[in-house]
């Protein structure tokens, strides 16, 4: 679900001091898009939204979530928005976030 090597690499790239800030910014931006998609689903925006979510999640190692966003983005690109399972996308994000939270304090404090 989480590519922990990618997470470690990111932490090493930005430094452990700035890692929490990067993590918080990522979660805030992703939460904004997901909240909007939940409240006001707009198939015309799915390609753009899922592309954003895919890139953001890939950078932070949310591998399973990124894969679902990629699949959804491709379906939207082909006009097959009815094949996009947003509930699964949202559930996978929540599960990824929960799995990440278990180790986030350790990762933020590690050198």
N, C-alpha and C. Protein backbone atom coordinates (compact mmCIF):
# COMPACT_ATOMS: atom_id res chain seq x y z
N UNK A 1 0.82 -1.19 0.00
CA UNK A 1 0.00 0.00 0.00
C UNK A 1 0.88 1.26 0.00
N UNK A 2 1.91 1.25 0.85
CA UNK A 2 2.84 2.37 0.93
C UNK A 2 4.21 1.91 0.45
N UNK A 3 4.82 2.71 -0.40
CA UNK A 3 6.19 2.46 -0.84
C UNK A 3 7.10 3.15 0.17
N UNK A 4 7.49 2.40 1.21
CA UNK A 4 8.24 2.98 2.31
C UNK A 4 9.62 3.45 1.87
N UNK A 5 10.20 2.82 0.86
CA UNK A 5 11.49 3.29 0.37
C UNK A 5 11.35 4.70 -0.22
N UNK A 6 10.26 4.93 -0.96
CA UNK A 6 10.02 6.26 -1.52
C UNK A 6 9.85 7.29 -0.41
N UNK A 7 9.16 6.91 0.65
CA UNK A 7 8.95 7.81 1.79
C UNK A 7 10.30 8.16 2.41
N UNK A 8 11.12 7.15 2.63
CA UNK A 8 12.45 7.37 3.21
C UNK A 8 13.30 8.25 2.30
N UNK A 9 13.24 7.97 0.99
CA UNK A 9 14.00 8.78 0.03
C UNK A 9 13.55 10.24 0.08
N UNK A 10 12.24 10.47 0.14
CA UNK A 10 11.73 11.83 0.20
C UNK A 10 12.20 12.52 1.47
N UNK A 11 12.11 11.82 2.59
CA UNK A 11 12.56 12.39 3.86
C UNK A 11 14.04 12.75 3.79
N UNK A 12 14.83 11.88 3.18
CA UNK A 12 16.26 12.15 3.04
C UNK A 12 16.53 13.33 2.10
N UNK A 13 15.68 13.47 1.06
CA UNK A 13 15.84 14.57 0.10
C UNK A 13 15.54 15.92 0.73
N UNK A 14 14.44 15.99 1.48
CA UNK A 14 14.02 17.28 2.05
C UNK A 14 14.58 17.52 3.44
N UNK A 15 15.05 16.48 4.09
CA UNK A 15 15.55 16.58 5.45
C UNK A 15 14.43 16.29 6.44
N UNK A 16 14.80 15.68 7.54
CA UNK A 16 13.78 15.28 8.52
C UNK A 16 13.08 16.49 9.12
N UNK A 17 13.77 17.66 9.17
CA UNK A 17 13.17 18.86 9.73
C UNK A 17 12.00 19.35 8.86
N UNK A 18 12.15 19.25 7.55
CA UNK A 18 11.13 19.75 6.62
C UNK A 18 10.13 18.68 6.19
N UNK A 19 10.41 17.43 6.52
CA UNK A 19 9.56 16.34 6.07
C UNK A 19 8.13 16.48 6.58
N UNK A 20 7.96 16.83 7.84
CA UNK A 20 6.61 16.98 8.40
C UNK A 20 5.85 18.08 7.67
N UNK A 21 6.53 19.16 7.32
CA UNK A 21 5.89 20.25 6.59
C UNK A 21 5.43 19.78 5.21
N UNK A 22 6.28 19.01 4.53
CA UNK A 22 5.93 18.47 3.21
C UNK A 22 4.73 17.52 3.35
N UNK A 23 4.77 16.67 4.35
CA UNK A 23 3.67 15.74 4.61
C UNK A 23 2.37 16.49 4.88
N UNK A 24 2.42 17.48 5.74
CA UNK A 24 1.22 18.25 6.07
C UNK A 24 0.65 18.96 4.84
N UNK A 25 1.52 19.53 4.03
CA UNK A 25 1.08 20.21 2.81
C UNK A 25 0.43 19.23 1.85
N UNK A 26 1.05 18.07 1.68
CA UNK A 26 0.49 17.03 0.82
C UNK A 26 -0.91 16.64 1.29
N UNK A 27 -1.03 16.33 2.55
CA UNK A 27 -2.32 15.89 3.08
C UNK A 27 -3.38 16.98 2.95
N UNK A 28 -3.00 18.21 3.20
CA UNK A 28 -3.94 19.32 3.09
C UNK A 28 -4.44 19.47 1.65
N UNK A 29 -3.53 19.45 0.69
CA UNK A 29 -3.92 19.62 -0.71
C UNK A 29 -4.76 18.45 -1.21
N UNK A 30 -4.38 17.25 -0.85
CA UNK A 30 -5.13 16.06 -1.27
C UNK A 30 -6.52 16.06 -0.63
N UNK A 31 -6.59 16.40 0.65
CA UNK A 31 -7.87 16.45 1.35
C UNK A 31 -8.81 17.44 0.69
N UNK A 32 -8.28 18.59 0.26
CA UNK A 32 -9.13 19.58 -0.41
C UNK A 32 -9.76 19.01 -1.67
N UNK A 33 -8.97 18.34 -2.49
CA UNK A 33 -9.48 17.78 -3.74
C UNK A 33 -10.47 16.66 -3.45
N UNK A 34 -10.14 15.79 -2.53
CA UNK A 34 -11.03 14.67 -2.21
C UNK A 34 -12.34 15.17 -1.63
N UNK A 35 -12.28 16.16 -0.75
CA UNK A 35 -13.50 16.72 -0.17
C UNK A 35 -14.39 17.29 -1.26
N UNK A 36 -13.79 18.04 -2.18
CA UNK A 36 -14.58 18.61 -3.27
C UNK A 36 -15.17 17.51 -4.14
N UNK A 37 -14.39 16.48 -4.44
CA UNK A 37 -14.89 15.38 -5.27
C UNK A 37 -16.04 14.64 -4.58
N UNK A 38 -15.97 14.53 -3.27
CA UNK A 38 -17.04 13.86 -2.52
C UNK A 38 -18.31 14.71 -2.51
N UNK A 39 -18.14 16.00 -2.28
CA UNK A 39 -19.30 16.89 -2.14
C UNK A 39 -19.92 17.26 -3.47
N UNK A 40 -19.07 17.51 -4.46
CA UNK A 40 -19.56 17.97 -5.76
C UNK A 40 -18.86 17.21 -6.89
N UNK A 41 -19.16 15.92 -7.04
CA UNK A 41 -18.50 15.16 -8.10
C UNK A 41 -18.78 15.79 -9.47
N UNK A 42 -17.74 16.00 -10.22
CA UNK A 42 -17.85 16.63 -11.54
C UNK A 42 -17.02 15.81 -12.53
N UNK A 43 -17.67 14.92 -13.26
CA UNK A 43 -16.93 14.08 -14.21
C UNK A 43 -16.05 14.87 -15.18
N UNK A 44 -16.40 16.11 -15.47
CA UNK A 44 -15.59 16.93 -16.37
C UNK A 44 -14.22 17.25 -15.75
N UNK A 45 -14.11 17.13 -14.43
CA UNK A 45 -12.84 17.44 -13.74
C UNK A 45 -12.09 16.19 -13.31
N UNK A 46 -12.65 15.01 -13.50
CA UNK A 46 -12.02 13.79 -12.99
C UNK A 46 -10.61 13.61 -13.52
N UNK A 47 -10.39 13.83 -14.80
CA UNK A 47 -9.05 13.62 -15.36
C UNK A 47 -8.03 14.52 -14.65
N UNK A 48 -8.36 15.79 -14.54
CA UNK A 48 -7.46 16.75 -13.89
C UNK A 48 -7.26 16.42 -12.41
N UNK A 49 -8.36 16.14 -11.72
CA UNK A 49 -8.27 15.85 -10.29
C UNK A 49 -7.49 14.57 -10.02
N UNK A 50 -7.77 13.53 -10.77
CA UNK A 50 -7.09 12.26 -10.56
C UNK A 50 -5.62 12.35 -10.96
N UNK A 51 -5.31 13.16 -11.95
CA UNK A 51 -3.91 13.37 -12.33
C UNK A 51 -3.16 14.04 -11.17
N UNK A 52 -3.77 15.06 -10.59
CA UNK A 52 -3.17 15.73 -9.44
C UNK A 52 -2.97 14.77 -8.28
N UNK A 53 -4.02 14.02 -7.95
CA UNK A 53 -3.93 13.07 -6.84
C UNK A 53 -2.89 12.01 -7.09
N UNK A 54 -2.81 11.53 -8.33
CA UNK A 54 -1.81 10.52 -8.70
C UNK A 54 -0.40 11.03 -8.45
N UNK A 55 -0.11 12.22 -8.95
CA UNK A 55 1.24 12.76 -8.80
C UNK A 55 1.60 13.04 -7.36
N UNK A 56 0.67 13.63 -6.64
CA UNK A 56 0.93 13.93 -5.23
C UNK A 56 1.17 12.66 -4.43
N UNK A 57 0.32 11.68 -4.65
CA UNK A 57 0.44 10.45 -3.87
C UNK A 57 1.67 9.65 -4.24
N UNK A 58 2.05 9.67 -5.49
CA UNK A 58 3.25 8.96 -5.93
C UNK A 58 4.49 9.56 -5.27
N UNK A 59 4.53 10.87 -5.17
CA UNK A 59 5.67 11.53 -4.53
C UNK A 59 5.83 11.14 -3.07
N UNK A 60 4.71 10.87 -2.40
CA UNK A 60 4.78 10.54 -0.98
C UNK A 60 4.74 9.03 -0.72
N UNK A 61 4.71 8.23 -1.77
CA UNK A 61 4.78 6.79 -1.58
C UNK A 61 3.44 6.10 -1.37
N UNK A 62 2.34 6.79 -1.61
CA UNK A 62 1.02 6.17 -1.49
C UNK A 62 0.76 5.38 -2.77
N UNK A 63 1.41 4.24 -2.90
CA UNK A 63 1.46 3.49 -4.15
C UNK A 63 0.10 2.97 -4.61
N UNK A 64 -0.65 2.35 -3.73
CA UNK A 64 -1.95 1.78 -4.12
C UNK A 64 -2.92 2.89 -4.52
N UNK A 65 -2.91 3.96 -3.79
CA UNK A 65 -3.78 5.10 -4.09
C UNK A 65 -3.39 5.71 -5.44
N UNK A 66 -2.10 5.86 -5.66
CA UNK A 66 -1.62 6.41 -6.92
C UNK A 66 -2.03 5.54 -8.11
N UNK A 67 -1.96 4.23 -7.94
CA UNK A 67 -2.36 3.31 -9.02
C UNK A 67 -3.83 3.47 -9.35
N UNK A 68 -4.69 3.56 -8.35
CA UNK A 68 -6.13 3.76 -8.59
C UNK A 68 -6.39 5.10 -9.27
N UNK A 69 -5.66 6.12 -8.87
CA UNK A 69 -5.83 7.43 -9.51
C UNK A 69 -5.39 7.37 -10.96
N UNK A 70 -4.32 6.66 -11.24
CA UNK A 70 -3.85 6.49 -12.62
C UNK A 70 -4.91 5.79 -13.47
N UNK A 71 -5.48 4.73 -12.94
CA UNK A 71 -6.53 4.01 -13.66
C UNK A 71 -7.73 4.92 -13.92
N UNK A 72 -8.13 5.67 -12.90
CA UNK A 72 -9.25 6.58 -13.05
C UNK A 72 -8.95 7.70 -14.04
N UNK A 73 -7.74 8.21 -13.99
CA UNK A 73 -7.34 9.27 -14.92
C UNK A 73 -7.43 8.76 -16.36
N UNK A 74 -6.95 7.54 -16.59
CA UNK A 74 -7.00 6.97 -17.94
C UNK A 74 -8.44 6.76 -18.40
N UNK A 75 -9.28 6.29 -17.51
CA UNK A 75 -10.70 6.14 -17.86
C UNK A 75 -11.34 7.48 -18.18
N UNK A 76 -11.01 8.51 -17.41
CA UNK A 76 -11.56 9.84 -17.68
C UNK A 76 -11.05 10.37 -19.01
N UNK A 77 -9.80 10.14 -19.30
CA UNK A 77 -9.21 10.57 -20.56
C UNK A 77 -9.94 9.95 -21.75
N UNK A 78 -10.40 8.71 -21.57
CA UNK A 78 -11.11 8.00 -22.63
C UNK A 78 -12.62 8.24 -22.58
N UNK A 79 -13.06 9.12 -21.70
CA UNK A 79 -14.48 9.42 -21.59
C UNK A 79 -15.28 8.35 -20.88
N UNK A 80 -14.62 7.49 -20.13
CA UNK A 80 -15.27 6.38 -19.43
C UNK A 80 -15.38 6.68 -17.93
N UNK A 81 -15.92 7.85 -17.61
CA UNK A 81 -15.99 8.24 -16.21
C UNK A 81 -16.90 7.33 -15.39
N UNK A 82 -17.82 6.64 -16.06
CA UNK A 82 -18.71 5.72 -15.36
C UNK A 82 -17.96 4.51 -14.81
N UNK A 83 -16.75 4.25 -15.30
CA UNK A 83 -15.95 3.13 -14.81
C UNK A 83 -15.09 3.50 -13.59
N UNK A 84 -15.09 4.77 -13.23
CA UNK A 84 -14.27 5.23 -12.11
C UNK A 84 -15.02 4.98 -10.81
N UNK A 85 -14.42 4.20 -9.94
CA UNK A 85 -15.01 3.87 -8.65
C UNK A 85 -14.46 4.84 -7.60
N UNK A 86 -15.10 5.99 -7.48
CA UNK A 86 -14.61 7.00 -6.54
C UNK A 86 -14.63 6.50 -5.10
N UNK A 87 -15.61 5.71 -4.75
CA UNK A 87 -15.67 5.19 -3.38
C UNK A 87 -14.41 4.38 -3.07
N UNK A 88 -13.96 3.60 -4.03
CA UNK A 88 -12.74 2.81 -3.85
C UNK A 88 -11.51 3.72 -3.78
N UNK A 89 -11.48 4.75 -4.61
CA UNK A 89 -10.39 5.72 -4.57
C UNK A 89 -10.32 6.36 -3.19
N UNK A 90 -11.46 6.83 -2.70
CA UNK A 90 -11.49 7.50 -1.40
C UNK A 90 -11.12 6.53 -0.27
N UNK A 91 -11.63 5.32 -0.32
CA UNK A 91 -11.34 4.33 0.72
C UNK A 91 -9.85 3.96 0.72
N UNK A 92 -9.27 3.86 -0.45
CA UNK A 92 -7.85 3.53 -0.54
C UNK A 92 -7.00 4.67 0.00
N UNK A 93 -7.42 5.90 -0.25
CA UNK A 93 -6.71 7.04 0.32
C UNK A 93 -6.76 6.98 1.85
N UNK A 94 -7.95 6.76 2.40
CA UNK A 94 -8.10 6.71 3.86
C UNK A 94 -7.27 5.58 4.46
N UNK A 95 -7.26 4.42 3.82
CA UNK A 95 -6.47 3.30 4.31
C UNK A 95 -4.97 3.61 4.22
N UNK A 96 -4.57 4.25 3.14
CA UNK A 96 -3.16 4.63 2.98
C UNK A 96 -2.75 5.64 4.04
N UNK A 97 -3.60 6.61 4.27
CA UNK A 97 -3.32 7.63 5.28
C UNK A 97 -3.21 7.00 6.66
N UNK A 98 -4.08 6.04 6.96
CA UNK A 98 -4.04 5.36 8.25
C UNK A 98 -2.75 4.54 8.40
N UNK A 99 -2.38 3.83 7.34
CA UNK A 99 -1.15 3.03 7.37
C UNK A 99 0.07 3.95 7.53
N UNK A 100 0.02 5.08 6.86
CA UNK A 100 1.11 6.03 6.95
C UNK A 100 1.22 6.62 8.35
N UNK A 101 0.09 6.91 8.97
CA UNK A 101 0.07 7.53 10.29
C UNK A 101 0.76 6.67 11.34
N UNK A 102 0.69 5.36 11.16
CA UNK A 102 1.31 4.45 12.11
C UNK A 102 2.81 4.70 12.21
N UNK A 103 3.43 5.06 11.08
CA UNK A 103 4.88 5.26 11.07
C UNK A 103 5.29 6.72 10.91
N UNK A 104 4.34 7.63 10.77
CA UNK A 104 4.71 9.01 10.44
C UNK A 104 5.54 9.70 11.52
N UNK A 105 5.21 9.48 12.78
CA UNK A 105 6.00 10.13 13.83
C UNK A 105 7.44 9.65 13.80
N UNK A 106 7.61 8.36 13.63
CA UNK A 106 8.95 7.78 13.54
C UNK A 106 9.70 8.37 12.34
N UNK A 107 9.03 8.49 11.22
CA UNK A 107 9.66 9.02 10.01
C UNK A 107 9.99 10.49 10.13
N UNK A 108 9.14 11.24 10.80
CA UNK A 108 9.38 12.67 10.95
C UNK A 108 10.54 12.96 11.90
N UNK A 109 10.79 12.07 12.83
CA UNK A 109 11.86 12.31 13.81
C UNK A 109 13.17 11.62 13.45
N UNK A 110 13.14 10.69 12.50
CA UNK A 110 14.34 9.96 12.12
C UNK A 110 15.28 10.86 11.33
N UNK A 111 16.52 10.61 11.49
CA UNK A 111 17.53 11.40 10.76
C UNK A 111 17.85 10.81 9.44
